[in-house]
Amino acid sequence: MQATAELQVVPIGQGVSVRHEITRVVELLKAYDFILETHASGTNIEGKLADILAAVAQIHEALHAEGCIRLVSYLKLETRTDKLPTLAGKRLE
């Protein structure tokens, strides 16, 4: 099933800068067959629902294994049965 999502990963207790952890999140997402749009407070994702969910699990596992003690992720998902959800279809232009 195709889906669109917005993912925000928040490392807690890592200090003021979380640039390394967020760079790692984007790196892990790029390994999937997703359309990605990064922005100031998260990443928009277009891809298969199962892959999006697997990617979130992989992000948590990888960052914890790399020393991040606490992560909070906010995930908004959209699936549709009437048409294919796309990030392009969400743009207001």
C-alpha atoms as a PDB file:
ATOM      1  CA  MET A   1       0.000   0.000   0.000  1.00  0.00           C
ATOM      2  CA  GLN A   2       1.339   3.413  -0.987  1.00  0.00           C
ATOM      3  CA  ALA A   3       1.489   6.121   1.698  1.00  0.00           C
ATOM      4  CA  THR A   4       2.697   9.599   2.478  1.00  0.00           C
ATOM      5  CA  ALA A   5       4.095  10.509   5.858  1.00  0.00           C
ATOM      6  CA  GLU A   6       5.714  13.219   7.878  1.00  0.00           C
ATOM      7  CA  LEU A   7       8.403  12.019  10.277  1.00  0.00           C
ATOM      8  CA  GLN A   8      10.021  14.033  13.029  1.00  0.00           C
ATOM      9  CA  VAL A   9      12.693  12.310  15.119  1.00  0.00           C
ATOM     10  CA  VAL A  10      13.719  14.062  18.325  1.00  0.00           C
ATOM     11  CA  PRO A  11      16.844  12.830  20.143  1.00  0.00           C
ATOM     12  CA  ILE A  12      16.549  13.728  23.838  1.00  0.00           C
ATOM     13  CA  GLY A  13      19.517  14.189  26.131  1.00  0.00           C
ATOM     14  CA  GLN A  14      22.050  14.553  23.322  1.00  0.00           C
ATOM     15  CA  GLY A  15      22.958  18.170  24.071  1.00  0.00           C
ATOM     16  CA  VAL A  16      22.061  21.360  22.252  1.00  0.00           C
ATOM     17  CA  SER A  17      22.989  20.192  18.739  1.00  0.00           C
ATOM     18  CA  VAL A  18      21.423  17.072  17.272  1.00  0.00           C
ATOM     19  CA  ARG A  19      22.819  17.628  13.776  1.00  0.00           C
ATOM     20  CA  HIS A  20      24.690  14.310  13.782  1.00  0.00           C
ATOM     21  CA  GLU A  21      21.619  12.281  14.733  1.00  0.00           C
ATOM     22  CA  ILE A  22      19.320  14.031  12.236  1.00  0.00           C
ATOM     23  CA  THR A  23      21.898  13.650   9.457  1.00  0.00           C
ATOM     24  CA  ARG A  24      21.967   9.944  10.296  1.00  0.00           C
ATOM     25  CA  VAL A  25      18.148   9.754  10.115  1.00  0.00           C
ATOM     26  CA  VAL A  26      18.151  11.240   6.604  1.00  0.00           C
ATOM     27  CA  GLU A  27      20.998   8.921   5.596  1.00  0.00           C
ATOM     28  CA  LEU A  28      18.981   5.891   6.726  1.00  0.00           C
ATOM     29  CA  LEU A  29      15.849   7.104   4.910  1.00  0.00           C
ATOM     30  CA  LYS A  30      17.807   7.573   1.669  1.00  0.00           C
ATOM     31  CA  ALA A  31      18.598   3.843   1.660  1.00  0.00           C
ATOM     32  CA  TYR A  32      14.917   3.161   0.896  1.00  0.00           C
ATOM     33  CA  ASP A  33      13.045   3.733  -2.352  1.00  0.00           C
ATOM     34  CA  PHE A  34      11.329   6.865  -1.012  1.00  0.00           C
ATOM     35  CA  ILE A  35      10.634  10.305  -2.343  1.00  0.00           C
ATOM     36  CA  LEU A  36      11.909  12.575   0.443  1.00  0.00           C
ATOM     37  CA  GLU A  37      11.449  16.250   1.237  1.00  0.00           C
ATOM     38  CA  THR A  38      13.380  17.428   4.272  1.00  0.00           C
ATOM     39  CA  HIS A  39      12.335  20.627   6.014  1.00  0.00           C
ATOM     40  CA  ALA A  40      13.042  22.528   9.216  1.00  0.00           C
ATOM     41  CA  SER A  41      11.014  20.289  11.510  1.00  0.00           C
ATOM     42  CA  GLY A  42      11.014  16.888   9.845  1.00  0.00           C
ATOM     43  CA  THR A  43      10.933  14.911   6.617  1.00  0.00           C
ATOM     44  CA  ASN A  44       8.055  14.221   4.256  1.00  0.00           C
ATOM     45  CA  ILE A  45       8.127  10.702   2.850  1.00  0.00           C
ATOM     46  CA  GLU A  46       6.357   9.026  -0.060  1.00  0.00           C
ATOM     47  CA  GLY A  47       6.656   5.272  -0.380  1.00  0.00           C
ATOM     48  CA  LYS A  48       5.238   1.923   0.607  1.00  0.00           C
ATOM     49  CA  LEU A  49       3.564   1.865   4.008  1.00  0.00           C
ATOM     50  CA  ALA A  50       5.464  -1.231   5.150  1.00  0.00           C
ATOM     51  CA  ASP A  51       8.781   0.371   4.163  1.00  0.00           C
ATOM     52  CA  ILE A  52       7.980   3.598   6.034  1.00  0.00           C
ATOM     53  CA  LEU A  53       7.179   1.653   9.200  1.00  0.00           C
ATOM     54  CA  ALA A  54      10.306  -0.481   8.770  1.00  0.00           C
ATOM     55  CA  ALA A  55      12.407   2.655   8.286  1.00  0.00           C
ATOM     56  CA  VAL A  56      11.155   4.167  11.559  1.00  0.00           C
ATOM     57  CA  ALA A  57      12.047   0.950  13.392  1.00  0.00           C
ATOM     58  CA  GLN A  58      15.475   0.894  11.751  1.00  0.00           C
ATOM     59  CA  ILE A  59      16.095   4.543  12.702  1.00  0.00           C
ATOM     60  CA  HIS A  60      15.342   3.830  16.356  1.00  0.00           C
ATOM     61  CA  GLU A  61      17.451   0.674  16.392  1.00  0.00           C
ATOM     62  CA  ALA A  62      20.414   2.330  14.647  1.00  0.00           C
ATOM     63  CA  LEU A  63      20.457   5.523  16.727  1.00  0.00           C
ATOM     64  CA  HIS A  64      20.134   3.591  19.977  1.00  0.00           C
ATOM     65  CA  ALA A  65      22.966   1.276  18.887  1.00  0.00           C
ATOM     66  CA  GLU A  66      25.061   4.370  18.113  1.00  0.00           C
ATOM     67  CA  GLY A  67      24.616   5.749  21.630  1.00  0.00           C
ATOM     68  CA  CYS A  68      21.433   7.800  21.588  1.00  0.00           C
ATOM     69  CA  ILE A  69      19.698   7.011  24.875  1.00  0.00           C
ATOM     70  CA  ARG A  70      16.233   8.423  24.193  1.00  0.00           C
ATOM     71  CA  LEU A  71      14.299   9.087  20.973  1.00  0.00           C
ATOM     72  CA  VAL A  72      10.822  10.394  20.416  1.00  0.00           C
ATOM     73  CA  SER A  73       9.367  10.150  16.910  1.00  0.00           C
ATOM     74  CA  TYR A  74       6.240  11.796  15.613  1.00  0.00           C
ATOM     75  CA  LEU A  75       4.814  10.060  12.557  1.00  0.00           C
ATOM     76  CA  LYS A  76       1.827  11.218  10.544  1.00  0.00           C
ATOM     77  CA  LEU A  77       0.685   8.706   7.915  1.00  0.00           C
ATOM     78  CA  GLU A  78      -1.815   9.000   5.108  1.00  0.00           C
ATOM     79  CA  THR A  79      -3.138   6.154   3.007  1.00  0.00           C
ATOM     80  CA  ARG A  80      -6.004   6.324   0.537  1.00  0.00           C
ATOM     81  CA  THR A  81      -8.191   3.909  -1.348  1.00  0.00           C
ATOM     82  CA  ASP A  82      -9.645   6.352  -3.879  1.00  0.00           C
ATOM     83  CA  LYS A  83      -6.329   7.443  -5.455  1.00  0.00           C
ATOM     84  CA  LEU A  84      -2.572   7.151  -5.062  1.00  0.00           C
ATOM     85  CA  PRO A  85      -1.292   9.499  -2.318  1.00  0.00           C
ATOM     86  CA  THR A  86       1.713  11.546  -3.434  1.00  0.00           C
ATOM     87  CA  LEU A  87       3.724  14.404  -2.017  1.00  0.00           C
ATOM     88  CA  ALA A  88       3.305  16.269  -5.300  1.00  0.00           C
ATOM     89  CA  GLY A  89      -0.464  16.126  -4.861  1.00  0.00           C
ATOM     90  CA  LYS A  90      -0.147  17.941  -1.536  1.00  0.00           C
ATOM     91  CA  ARG A  91       1.635  21.037  -2.807  1.00  0.00           C
ATOM     92  CA  LEU A  92      -0.290  24.280  -2.866  1.00  0.00           C
ATOM     93  CA  GLU A  93       0.857  26.214  -5.898  1.00  0.00           C
END
